């Protein structure tokens, strides 16, 4: 799949420059961005913990949503569209208290109207902590969501 970026574009820097406030609050940073695979890291800290001191399940769901949505956006933008999430299914596998979470996302299906992405999150020792799938919808240029045209905020 052709990316909507120049062949020499530094996609990691580009994607990190366009993180939303929520992703920044999580501490998420992309370390690899290609049309077929994205990798992001999130340092674990007390701000991500639930009362038992382990990473809150919503953190995993949010990381999965972010990585899958970013991957789906590459394909949608190549077709002159934007992409929004429709469904996020996250399974929690192992509790994590510290270290770094590493998420790797890959496409399972890339259609003209929808995509499905699989994201696995491992802890610093490479053990699976969570896994999820996100289904996205590709919207035509100029489509509105919540009353505004969908597009990157600059």
Foldseek 3Di string as FASTA:
>chain_A
DDFPDPPPDPVQVVVQVQDDPVCVVQVKGWPDDDLFKTKIKGWDDQVQDDPVQWGDPVSVQVVFLVRVLVSLQRVLVVVQWHKDWDDKDKDFDDTDRGAMKMKMKGWPDDDPFKTKIKIFIAGPVRHTGMIMMIMMTTGHAQDDDPRHGDDGDD
